[in-house]
Amino acid sequence: MKNSYDKLTKNLFKHLSKGEEVVFGNFTLLKEGEKLRLKGRTEKGEEVELFFNLEKGRSFGLSKDQLKRIVAFKEKPAFSARTRK
């Protein structure tokens, strides 16, 4: 199981580093320059976009620890936008 998890995370980082949009759970992630955009719906049904300043890391130039904090909502975004209700 660990090997398949490692392959999935490596694949996720590879696609993000190429600037491709990646679906992660109920969210989509996209690397735009030195920022990461997380887009999805809140529990209340609002569509939101959160933008994070990226930290450098060893996984295709991205930080695994930062991505873990982002998807666990423990990282404060640089800014956010609500697009629809």
Protein backbone atom coordinates (compact mmCIF):
# COMPACT_ATOMS: atom_id res chain seq x y z
CA MET A 1 0.00 0.00 0.00
CA LYS A 2 2.82 2.43 0.81
CA ASN A 3 4.39 1.96 -2.65
CA SER A 4 1.13 2.87 -4.40
CA TYR A 5 0.72 5.91 -2.11
CA ASP A 6 4.28 7.03 -2.91
CA LYS A 7 3.64 6.59 -6.64
CA LEU A 8 0.41 8.62 -6.40
CA THR A 9 2.05 11.50 -4.53
CA LYS A 10 5.02 11.51 -6.91
CA ASN A 11 2.62 11.60 -9.84
CA LEU A 12 0.63 14.43 -8.22
CA PHE A 13 3.78 16.52 -7.70
CA LYS A 14 4.98 15.79 -11.23
CA HIS A 15 1.73 17.02 -12.79
CA LEU A 16 1.56 20.09 -10.52
CA SER A 17 5.14 21.04 -11.38
CA LYS A 18 4.24 20.94 -15.09
CA GLY A 19 1.41 23.44 -14.46
CA GLU A 20 -1.32 20.86 -14.95
CA GLU A 21 -4.53 20.94 -12.92
CA VAL A 22 -4.82 18.05 -10.43
CA VAL A 23 -7.98 16.79 -8.73
CA PHE A 24 -7.41 16.00 -5.05
CA GLY A 25 -10.51 14.88 -3.20
CA ASN A 26 -13.17 17.56 -3.67
CA PHE A 27 -10.63 20.15 -4.76
CA THR A 28 -8.57 21.03 -7.77
CA LEU A 29 -4.99 22.20 -7.40
CA LEU A 30 -3.05 24.23 -9.93
CA LYS A 31 0.44 25.70 -9.74
CA GLU A 32 0.53 29.19 -11.22
CA GLY A 33 4.05 30.60 -11.12
CA GLU A 34 5.12 30.71 -7.48
CA LYS A 35 1.55 30.25 -6.19
CA LEU A 36 -0.70 27.24 -5.71
CA ARG A 37 -4.43 27.66 -6.32
CA LEU A 38 -6.87 25.40 -4.49
CA LYS A 39 -10.41 25.56 -5.83
CA GLY A 40 -13.48 23.81 -4.46
CA ARG A 41 -16.74 24.05 -2.53
CA THR A 42 -17.17 24.65 1.17
CA GLU A 43 -19.55 22.62 3.31
CA LYS A 44 -22.08 25.45 2.87
CA GLY A 45 -21.93 25.06 -0.92
CA GLU A 46 -19.92 28.21 -1.62
CA GLU A 47 -17.32 28.00 -4.35
CA VAL A 48 -13.97 29.31 -3.13
CA GLU A 49 -10.45 29.74 -4.43
CA LEU A 50 -7.49 29.87 -2.07
CA PHE A 51 -4.03 30.99 -3.18
CA PHE A 52 -0.85 29.96 -1.37
CA ASN A 53 2.73 31.15 -1.79
CA LEU A 54 4.76 28.03 -2.56
CA GLU A 55 7.72 26.86 -0.53
CA LYS A 56 10.63 25.24 -2.36
CA GLY A 57 11.01 21.54 -1.77
CA ARG A 58 12.62 18.38 -3.09
CA SER A 59 9.56 16.91 -4.86
CA PHE A 60 9.76 18.45 -8.33
CA GLY A 61 10.55 21.78 -6.66
CA LEU A 62 7.53 21.61 -4.34
CA SER A 63 7.34 20.99 -0.58
CA LYS A 64 5.47 17.83 0.49
CA ASP A 65 5.04 19.21 4.02
CA GLN A 66 3.44 22.39 2.72
CA LEU A 67 1.03 20.47 0.48
CA LYS A 68 0.00 18.33 3.46
CA ARG A 69 -0.72 21.49 5.48
CA ILE A 70 -2.68 23.04 2.60
CA VAL A 71 -5.02 20.08 2.03
CA ALA A 72 -5.52 19.74 5.81
CA PHE A 73 -6.42 23.48 5.94
CA LYS A 74 -3.60 24.18 8.41
CA GLU A 75 -1.82 26.63 6.10
CA LYS A 76 -2.96 30.24 5.91
CA PRO A 77 -3.60 31.32 2.30
CA ALA A 78 -1.94 34.40 0.83
CA PHE A 79 -5.45 35.45 -0.24
CA SER A 80 -8.81 33.91 -1.07
CA ALA A 81 -11.86 34.60 -3.20
CA ARG A 82 -15.46 33.43 -3.05
CA THR A 83 -16.85 33.03 -6.50
CA ARG A 84 -20.43 31.77 -6.05
CA LYS A 85 -22.99 30.68 -3.55
